[in-house]
Amino acid sequence: MKNVLLAAVFLGASTLGALAQTSSPPATADGDTPAVATPDTTNPTAPVAGANSFTEAQVKDRLTEAGYTEVTGLKLDDKGVWRAAAMKDGKSVAVALDYQGNIVAN
């Protein structure tokens, strides 16, 4: 009887360790980072690589709404980031738009 009880305790203890390993990962430290960019927010690590569902027309519209003009050479790269050359405030800039909608210029 003691052997059965000891085996049950051992089995139960080993199962708890396995359950602890399969729990969901913790939340990121920066819980304020949005999943999708809005006009008032941008992911600080942008542009973010990922499957991009924006069409070329949608990208041009977003860039225009953000104040960019003369958007040329718009291409989707292998990381899922739309890249182009554009003008803003009279200066030529390289601009990128990721799958979250973040716009980054340099």
C-alpha atoms as a PDB file:
ATOM      1  CA  MET A   1       0.000   0.000   0.000  1.00  0.00           C
ATOM      2  CA  LYS A   2       2.846   2.367   0.857  1.00  0.00           C
ATOM      3  CA  ASN A   3       4.443   1.623  -2.516  1.00  0.00           C
ATOM      4  CA  VAL A   4       1.243   2.534  -4.369  1.00  0.00           C
ATOM      5  CA  LEU A   5       0.881   5.773  -2.402  1.00  0.00           C
ATOM      6  CA  LEU A   6       4.548   6.637  -2.967  1.00  0.00           C
ATOM      7  CA  ALA A   7       4.200   5.947  -6.695  1.00  0.00           C
ATOM      8  CA  ALA A   8       1.085   8.150  -6.892  1.00  0.00           C
ATOM      9  CA  VAL A   9       2.859  11.027  -5.111  1.00  0.00           C
ATOM     10  CA  PHE A  10       5.890  10.694  -7.388  1.00  0.00           C
ATOM     11  CA  LEU A  11       3.722  10.584 -10.517  1.00  0.00           C
ATOM     12  CA  GLY A  12       1.722  13.615  -9.396  1.00  0.00           C
ATOM     13  CA  ALA A  13       4.845  15.626  -8.624  1.00  0.00           C
ATOM     14  CA  SER A  14       6.386  14.846 -12.007  1.00  0.00           C
ATOM     15  CA  THR A  15       3.165  15.896 -13.787  1.00  0.00           C
ATOM     16  CA  LEU A  16       3.199  19.329 -12.133  1.00  0.00           C
ATOM     17  CA  GLY A  17       6.642  19.990 -13.572  1.00  0.00           C
ATOM     18  CA  ALA A  18       5.408  19.134 -17.046  1.00  0.00           C
ATOM     19  CA  LEU A  19       2.403  21.431 -16.670  1.00  0.00           C
ATOM     20  CA  ALA A  20       4.633  24.317 -15.644  1.00  0.00           C
ATOM     21  CA  GLN A  21       6.650  23.937 -18.852  1.00  0.00           C
ATOM     22  CA  THR A  22       3.612  24.140 -21.138  1.00  0.00           C
ATOM     23  CA  SER A  23       2.134  27.375 -19.776  1.00  0.00           C
ATOM     24  CA  SER A  24       1.724  30.310 -22.116  1.00  0.00           C
ATOM     25  CA  PRO A  25       4.671  32.701 -22.470  1.00  0.00           C
ATOM     26  CA  PRO A  26       4.677  35.851 -20.334  1.00  0.00           C
ATOM     27  CA  ALA A  27       3.542  39.176 -21.754  1.00  0.00           C
ATOM     28  CA  THR A  28       6.209  41.472 -23.138  1.00  0.00           C
ATOM     29  CA  ALA A  29       7.630  44.146 -20.903  1.00  0.00           C
ATOM     30  CA  ASP A  30       6.258  46.856 -23.200  1.00  0.00           C
ATOM     31  CA  GLY A  31       2.516  46.237 -22.991  1.00  0.00           C
ATOM     32  CA  ASP A  32       1.795  49.636 -24.563  1.00  0.00           C
ATOM     33  CA  THR A  33       3.124  48.657 -28.001  1.00  0.00           C
ATOM     34  CA  PRO A  34       0.132  48.329 -30.340  1.00  0.00           C
ATOM     35  CA  ALA A  35      -0.439  45.319 -32.558  1.00  0.00           C
ATOM     36  CA  VAL A  36      -1.498  47.656 -35.350  1.00  0.00           C
ATOM     37  CA  ALA A  37      -0.219  51.186 -35.789  1.00  0.00           C
ATOM     38  CA  THR A  38      -2.664  54.070 -35.634  1.00  0.00           C
ATOM     39  CA  PRO A  39      -2.031  57.707 -36.503  1.00  0.00           C
ATOM     40  CA  ASP A  40      -1.089  58.343 -32.864  1.00  0.00           C
ATOM     41  CA  THR A  41       1.035  55.225 -32.233  1.00  0.00           C
ATOM     42  CA  THR A  42       4.009  53.504 -33.826  1.00  0.00           C
ATOM     43  CA  ASN A  43       5.848  50.359 -32.806  1.00  0.00           C
ATOM     44  CA  PRO A  44       9.294  51.550 -31.635  1.00  0.00           C
ATOM     45  CA  THR A  45      10.946  48.559 -33.344  1.00  0.00           C
ATOM     46  CA  ALA A  46       9.397  49.351 -36.753  1.00  0.00           C
ATOM     47  CA  PRO A  47       9.568  48.359 -39.477  1.00  0.00           C
ATOM     48  CA  VAL A  48       8.521  44.927 -38.273  1.00  0.00           C
ATOM     49  CA  ALA A  49       9.013  41.891 -40.527  1.00  0.00           C
ATOM     50  CA  GLY A  50       5.906  39.807 -41.156  1.00  0.00           C
ATOM     51  CA  ALA A  51       3.241  38.761 -43.621  1.00  0.00           C
ATOM     52  CA  ASN A  52       1.962  41.995 -45.133  1.00  0.00           C
ATOM     53  CA  SER A  53      -1.614  42.153 -46.418  1.00  0.00           C
ATOM     54  CA  PHE A  54      -1.603  45.787 -47.561  1.00  0.00           C
ATOM     55  CA  THR A  55      -2.151  46.262 -51.282  1.00  0.00           C
ATOM     56  CA  GLU A  56      -0.042  48.689 -53.276  1.00  0.00           C
ATOM     57  CA  ALA A  57      -2.985  51.126 -53.427  1.00  0.00           C
ATOM     58  CA  GLN A  58      -3.502  50.941 -49.656  1.00  0.00           C
ATOM     59  CA  VAL A  59       0.185  51.628 -49.049  1.00  0.00           C
ATOM     60  CA  LYS A  60       0.093  54.689 -51.337  1.00  0.00           C
ATOM     61  CA  ASP A  61      -3.029  55.944 -49.545  1.00  0.00           C
ATOM     62  CA  ARG A  62      -1.434  55.539 -46.110  1.00  0.00           C
ATOM     63  CA  LEU A  63       1.753  57.284 -47.214  1.00  0.00           C
ATOM     64  CA  THR A  64      -0.243  60.140 -48.741  1.00  0.00           C
ATOM     65  CA  GLU A  65      -2.313  60.504 -45.557  1.00  0.00           C
ATOM     66  CA  ALA A  66       0.956  60.682 -43.609  1.00  0.00           C
ATOM     67  CA  GLY A  67       2.110  63.630 -45.746  1.00  0.00           C
ATOM     68  CA  TYR A  68       4.342  61.887 -48.298  1.00  0.00           C
ATOM     69  CA  THR A  69       4.189  62.888 -51.962  1.00  0.00           C
ATOM     70  CA  GLU A  70       5.770  61.637 -55.186  1.00  0.00           C
ATOM     71  CA  VAL A  71       5.903  58.026 -53.989  1.00  0.00           C
ATOM     72  CA  THR A  72       8.049  56.054 -56.458  1.00  0.00           C
ATOM     73  CA  GLY A  73       9.637  52.606 -56.673  1.00  0.00           C
ATOM     74  CA  LEU A  74       7.112  51.012 -54.315  1.00  0.00           C
ATOM     75  CA  LYS A  75       8.058  47.355 -53.770  1.00  0.00           C
ATOM     76  CA  LEU A  76       7.294  44.661 -51.209  1.00  0.00           C
ATOM     77  CA  ASP A  77      10.593  43.211 -49.929  1.00  0.00           C
ATOM     78  CA  ASP A  78      11.315  39.650 -48.791  1.00  0.00           C
ATOM     79  CA  LYS A  79      10.651  40.604 -45.132  1.00  0.00           C
ATOM     80  CA  GLY A  80       7.093  41.758 -45.877  1.00  0.00           C
ATOM     81  CA  VAL A  81       7.923  45.469 -45.711  1.00  0.00           C
ATOM     82  CA  TRP A  82       6.785  47.884 -48.426  1.00  0.00           C
ATOM     83  CA  ARG A  83       9.648  50.223 -49.424  1.00  0.00           C
ATOM     84  CA  ALA A  84       9.670  53.314 -51.632  1.00  0.00           C
ATOM     85  CA  ALA A  85      11.213  56.717 -52.251  1.00  0.00           C
ATOM     86  CA  ALA A  86       9.057  59.736 -51.490  1.00  0.00           C
ATOM     87  CA  MET A  87       9.094  63.440 -50.741  1.00  0.00           C
ATOM     88  CA  LYS A  88       8.129  65.009 -47.423  1.00  0.00           C
ATOM     89  CA  ASP A  89       8.631  68.609 -46.377  1.00  0.00           C
ATOM     90  CA  GLY A  90      10.606  69.220 -49.589  1.00  0.00           C
ATOM     91  CA  LYS A  91      13.118  66.445 -48.847  1.00  0.00           C
ATOM     92  CA  SER A  92      13.620  63.099 -50.555  1.00  0.00           C
ATOM     93  CA  VAL A  93      13.344  60.199 -48.101  1.00  0.00           C
ATOM     94  CA  ALA A  94      13.368  56.419 -48.154  1.00  0.00           C
ATOM     95  CA  VAL A  95      10.124  55.239 -46.600  1.00  0.00           C
ATOM     96  CA  ALA A  96       8.939  51.845 -45.334  1.00  0.00           C
ATOM     97  CA  LEU A  97       5.526  50.537 -44.259  1.00  0.00           C
ATOM     98  CA  ASP A  98       5.297  47.258 -42.352  1.00  0.00           C
ATOM     99  CA  TYR A  99       2.407  44.835 -41.823  1.00  0.00           C
ATOM    100  CA  GLN A 100       1.353  46.681 -38.654  1.00  0.00           C
ATOM    101  CA  GLY A 101       0.946  49.919 -40.600  1.00  0.00           C
ATOM    102  CA  ASN A 102       4.037  51.560 -39.102  1.00  0.00           C
ATOM    103  CA  ILE A 103       5.612  54.138 -41.414  1.00  0.00           C
ATOM    104  CA  VAL A 104       9.341  54.700 -41.038  1.00  0.00           C
ATOM    105  CA  ALA A 105      11.363  57.231 -43.019  1.00  0.00           C
ATOM    106  CA  ASN A 106      15.080  57.954 -43.190  1.00  0.00           C
END
